[in-house]
Amino acid sequence: MPPEHVTPTEQATQTSPFLPIGIRKLLGTLILLSGLATYALAIMWLAVSVLPDHWAVQIIFYPLAGIAWAFPAKPLIAWMQLPDNPEN
């Protein structure tokens, strides 16, 4: 039987039994900041080294690169906001 798909709304109503919310937010913030800095450096390297120096390519590339980081960050932010397990 395949695992159930959990929507972000359902995920927000779940609890996290392992880490208190303060620790999750601290870890998530550190991961998000280091990941975003790494992503920005990779995008800058890609733009300077790989992409052709043409205005049409840049008009397409920069907006896409500016939005793309949010998709992998969404599950991390949802995890950071999970409520604590009331049983602990």
N, C-alpha and C. Protein backbone atom coordinates (compact mmCIF):
# COMPACT_ATOMS: atom_id res chain seq x y z
N MET A 1 0.84 -1.17 0.00
CA MET A 1 0.00 0.00 0.00
C MET A 1 0.90 1.25 0.00
N PRO A 2 0.70 2.18 -0.93
CA PRO A 2 1.55 3.38 -0.99
C PRO A 2 1.30 4.29 0.20
N PRO A 3 2.32 5.06 0.61
CA PRO A 3 2.12 5.98 1.74
C PRO A 3 1.14 7.08 1.37
N GLU A 4 0.45 7.56 2.39
CA GLU A 4 -0.53 8.62 2.17
C GLU A 4 0.17 9.94 1.85
N HIS A 5 -0.48 10.72 0.99
CA HIS A 5 0.04 12.05 0.68
C HIS A 5 -0.49 13.01 1.74
N VAL A 6 0.40 13.78 2.33
CA VAL A 6 0.02 14.72 3.37
C VAL A 6 0.10 16.13 2.79
N THR A 7 -1.03 16.82 2.81
CA THR A 7 -1.06 18.20 2.32
C THR A 7 -0.43 19.12 3.36
N PRO A 8 0.00 20.32 2.96
CA PRO A 8 0.59 21.26 3.93
C PRO A 8 -0.37 21.59 5.08
N THR A 9 -1.67 21.66 4.80
CA THR A 9 -2.63 21.95 5.86
C THR A 9 -2.68 20.82 6.87
N GLU A 10 -2.68 19.57 6.38
CA GLU A 10 -2.68 18.43 7.28
C GLU A 10 -1.37 18.35 8.05
N GLN A 11 -0.27 18.70 7.38
CA GLN A 11 1.04 18.65 8.03
C GLN A 11 1.10 19.68 9.15
N ALA A 12 0.48 20.81 8.97
CA ALA A 12 0.51 21.86 9.99
C ALA A 12 -0.27 21.45 11.23
N THR A 13 -1.21 20.52 11.11
CA THR A 13 -1.97 20.07 12.26
C THR A 13 -1.30 18.91 12.98
N GLN A 14 -0.26 18.35 12.40
CA GLN A 14 0.47 17.27 13.05
C GLN A 14 1.40 17.86 14.10
N THR A 15 1.96 16.99 14.92
CA THR A 15 2.89 17.45 15.93
C THR A 15 4.25 16.82 15.71
N SER A 16 5.26 17.41 16.27
CA SER A 16 6.61 16.88 16.18
C SER A 16 7.01 16.33 17.54
N PRO A 17 7.18 15.01 17.65
CA PRO A 17 7.45 14.43 18.96
C PRO A 17 8.91 14.51 19.40
N PHE A 18 9.84 14.87 18.53
CA PHE A 18 11.26 14.73 18.85
C PHE A 18 11.92 16.01 19.34
N LEU A 19 11.67 17.11 18.71
CA LEU A 19 12.34 18.36 19.07
C LEU A 19 11.33 19.42 19.49
N PRO A 20 11.63 20.17 20.53
CA PRO A 20 10.74 21.28 20.88
C PRO A 20 10.79 22.36 19.80
N ILE A 21 9.77 23.17 19.74
CA ILE A 21 9.63 24.14 18.66
C ILE A 21 10.79 25.14 18.63
N GLY A 22 11.32 25.50 19.79
CA GLY A 22 12.44 26.45 19.81
C GLY A 22 13.69 25.89 19.14
N ILE A 23 13.97 24.62 19.38
CA ILE A 23 15.13 23.97 18.76
C ILE A 23 14.89 23.81 17.25
N ARG A 24 13.66 23.42 16.87
CA ARG A 24 13.34 23.28 15.44
C ARG A 24 13.51 24.61 14.72
N LYS A 25 13.07 25.69 15.33
CA LYS A 25 13.19 27.00 14.69
C LYS A 25 14.66 27.43 14.59
N LEU A 26 15.44 27.16 15.61
CA LEU A 26 16.87 27.49 15.56
C LEU A 26 17.57 26.69 14.47
N LEU A 27 17.37 25.38 14.46
CA LEU A 27 17.99 24.53 13.43
C LEU A 27 17.50 24.91 12.03
N GLY A 28 16.21 25.12 11.90
CA GLY A 28 15.65 25.49 10.60
C GLY A 28 16.20 26.81 10.10
N THR A 29 16.35 27.77 10.99
CA THR A 29 16.91 29.07 10.61
C THR A 29 18.35 28.93 10.14
N LEU A 30 19.14 28.15 10.88
CA LEU A 30 20.54 27.95 10.48
C LEU A 30 20.63 27.22 9.14
N ILE A 31 19.81 26.20 8.96
CA ILE A 31 19.79 25.45 7.69
C ILE A 31 19.35 26.36 6.55
N LEU A 32 18.29 27.15 6.79
CA LEU A 32 17.76 28.03 5.76
C LEU A 32 18.77 29.10 5.36
N LEU A 33 19.42 29.71 6.33
CA LEU A 33 20.41 30.76 6.02
C LEU A 33 21.62 30.19 5.29
N SER A 34 22.14 29.07 5.76
CA SER A 34 23.31 28.49 5.08
C SER A 34 22.93 27.96 3.70
N GLY A 35 21.75 27.38 3.58
CA GLY A 35 21.30 26.89 2.27
C GLY A 35 21.05 28.01 1.29
N LEU A 36 20.47 29.09 1.76
CA LEU A 36 20.20 30.23 0.89
C LEU A 36 21.50 30.91 0.45
N ALA A 37 22.48 31.00 1.35
CA ALA A 37 23.77 31.57 0.97
C ALA A 37 24.47 30.69 -0.07
N THR A 38 24.42 29.38 0.13
CA THR A 38 25.01 28.45 -0.84
C THR A 38 24.30 28.55 -2.18
N TYR A 39 22.98 28.62 -2.14
CA TYR A 39 22.18 28.75 -3.36
C TYR A 39 22.54 30.04 -4.10
N ALA A 40 22.65 31.14 -3.37
CA ALA A 40 22.98 32.43 -4.00
C ALA A 40 24.35 32.38 -4.66
N LEU A 41 25.32 31.77 -3.98
CA LEU A 41 26.66 31.64 -4.58
C LEU A 41 26.63 30.77 -5.83
N ALA A 42 25.87 29.69 -5.78
CA ALA A 42 25.76 28.81 -6.95
C ALA A 42 25.08 29.52 -8.12
N ILE A 43 24.06 30.31 -7.84
CA ILE A 43 23.36 31.05 -8.90
C ILE A 43 24.28 32.12 -9.49
N MET A 44 25.05 32.79 -8.64
CA MET A 44 25.99 33.79 -9.16
C MET A 44 27.05 33.14 -10.04
N TRP A 45 27.59 32.01 -9.59
CA TRP A 45 28.58 31.29 -10.40
C TRP A 45 27.98 30.87 -11.73
N LEU A 46 26.76 30.33 -11.69
CA LEU A 46 26.10 29.90 -12.92
C LEU A 46 25.87 31.07 -13.87
N ALA A 47 25.43 32.20 -13.32
CA ALA A 47 25.14 33.36 -14.16
C ALA A 47 26.41 33.93 -14.80
N VAL A 48 27.51 33.92 -14.08
CA VAL A 48 28.74 34.49 -14.59
C VAL A 48 29.49 33.52 -15.50
N SER A 49 29.53 32.24 -15.13
CA SER A 49 30.38 31.28 -15.83
C SER A 49 29.69 30.54 -16.97
N VAL A 50 28.43 30.26 -16.84
CA VAL A 50 27.77 29.35 -17.77
C VAL A 50 26.83 30.07 -18.74
N LEU A 51 26.03 30.98 -18.22
CA LEU A 51 25.03 31.63 -19.07
C LEU A 51 25.66 32.58 -20.08
N PRO A 52 25.08 32.64 -21.26
CA PRO A 52 25.57 33.64 -22.23
C PRO A 52 25.22 35.05 -21.76
N ASP A 53 26.05 35.99 -22.14
CA ASP A 53 25.85 37.38 -21.73
C ASP A 53 24.88 38.06 -22.70
N HIS A 54 23.62 37.68 -22.59
CA HIS A 54 22.58 38.23 -23.46
C HIS A 54 21.40 38.64 -22.59
N TRP A 55 20.84 39.81 -22.88
CA TRP A 55 19.78 40.36 -22.04
C TRP A 55 18.56 39.45 -21.98
N ALA A 56 18.20 38.76 -23.07
CA ALA A 56 17.01 37.92 -23.06
C ALA A 56 17.18 36.71 -22.12
N VAL A 57 18.36 36.15 -22.11
CA VAL A 57 18.64 35.03 -21.19
C VAL A 57 18.58 35.51 -19.75
N GLN A 58 19.11 36.68 -19.48
CA GLN A 58 19.11 37.22 -18.13
C GLN A 58 17.70 37.56 -17.65
N ILE A 59 16.86 38.06 -18.55
CA ILE A 59 15.47 38.38 -18.18
C ILE A 59 14.71 37.13 -17.76
N ILE A 60 15.02 36.01 -18.35
CA ILE A 60 14.36 34.75 -17.99
C ILE A 60 15.03 34.13 -16.76
N PHE A 61 16.35 34.13 -16.72
CA PHE A 61 17.09 33.42 -15.67
C PHE A 61 16.91 34.03 -14.28
N TYR A 62 17.08 35.33 -14.13
CA TYR A 62 17.09 35.93 -12.80
C TYR A 62 15.74 35.82 -12.07
N PRO A 63 14.61 36.08 -12.71
CA PRO A 63 13.34 35.86 -11.99
C PRO A 63 13.13 34.40 -11.59
N LEU A 64 13.47 33.47 -12.49
CA LEU A 64 13.31 32.05 -12.15
C LEU A 64 14.23 31.66 -11.00
N ALA A 65 15.46 32.11 -11.05
CA ALA A 65 16.41 31.80 -9.97
C ALA A 65 16.00 32.47 -8.66
N GLY A 66 15.40 33.62 -8.74
CA GLY A 66 14.96 34.33 -7.53
C GLY A 66 13.78 33.69 -6.85
N ILE A 67 12.97 32.97 -7.59
CA ILE A 67 11.79 32.31 -7.03
C ILE A 67 12.07 30.85 -6.66
N ALA A 68 12.99 30.22 -7.35
CA ALA A 68 13.19 28.77 -7.22
C ALA A 68 13.60 28.34 -5.82
N TRP A 69 14.27 29.17 -5.05
CA TRP A 69 14.72 28.78 -3.72
C TRP A 69 13.56 28.53 -2.77
N ALA A 70 12.41 29.13 -3.04
CA ALA A 70 11.27 29.01 -2.12
C ALA A 70 10.68 27.60 -2.10
N PHE A 71 10.78 26.87 -3.20
CA PHE A 71 10.16 25.55 -3.25
C PHE A 71 10.83 24.54 -2.30
N PRO A 72 12.15 24.43 -2.26
CA PRO A 72 12.74 23.54 -1.26
C PRO A 72 12.65 24.08 0.17
N ALA A 73 12.48 25.39 0.33
CA ALA A 73 12.38 25.97 1.67
C ALA A 73 11.02 25.73 2.30
N LYS A 74 9.99 25.52 1.50
CA LYS A 74 8.63 25.38 2.02
C LYS A 74 8.49 24.22 3.02
N PRO A 75 8.97 23.00 2.71
CA PRO A 75 8.83 21.92 3.70
C PRO A 75 9.63 22.19 4.98
N LEU A 76 10.78 22.85 4.85
CA LEU A 76 11.57 23.17 6.04
C LEU A 76 10.82 24.14 6.93
N ILE A 77 10.22 25.15 6.35
CA ILE A 77 9.47 26.13 7.13
C ILE A 77 8.24 25.48 7.76
N ALA A 78 7.57 24.58 7.03
CA ALA A 78 6.43 23.87 7.60
C ALA A 78 6.86 23.01 8.78
N TRP A 79 8.02 22.36 8.69
CA TRP A 79 8.54 21.55 9.79
C TRP A 79 8.87 22.43 11.00
N MET A 80 9.43 23.59 10.75
CA MET A 80 9.78 24.50 11.84
C MET A 80 8.55 24.95 12.61
N GLN A 81 7.40 25.04 11.96
CA GLN A 81 6.20 25.57 12.58
C GLN A 81 5.29 24.50 13.19
N LEU A 82 5.68 23.24 13.11
CA LEU A 82 4.85 22.20 13.71
C LEU A 82 4.72 22.44 15.21
N PRO A 83 3.53 22.25 15.77
CA PRO A 83 3.39 22.44 17.22
C PRO A 83 4.08 21.32 17.99
N ASP A 84 4.42 21.60 19.22
CA ASP A 84 5.02 20.59 20.07
C ASP A 84 4.02 19.48 20.37
N ASN A 85 4.53 18.30 20.64
CA ASN A 85 3.70 17.18 21.05
C ASN A 85 3.23 17.43 22.48
N PRO A 86 1.92 17.50 22.74
CA PRO A 86 1.45 17.82 24.09
C PRO A 86 1.73 16.72 25.11
N GLU A 87 2.09 15.52 24.64
CA GLU A 87 2.35 14.41 25.55
C GLU A 87 3.70 14.53 26.21
N ASN A 88 4.63 15.33 25.64
CA ASN A 88 5.98 15.46 26.21
C ASN A 88 6.01 16.51 27.29
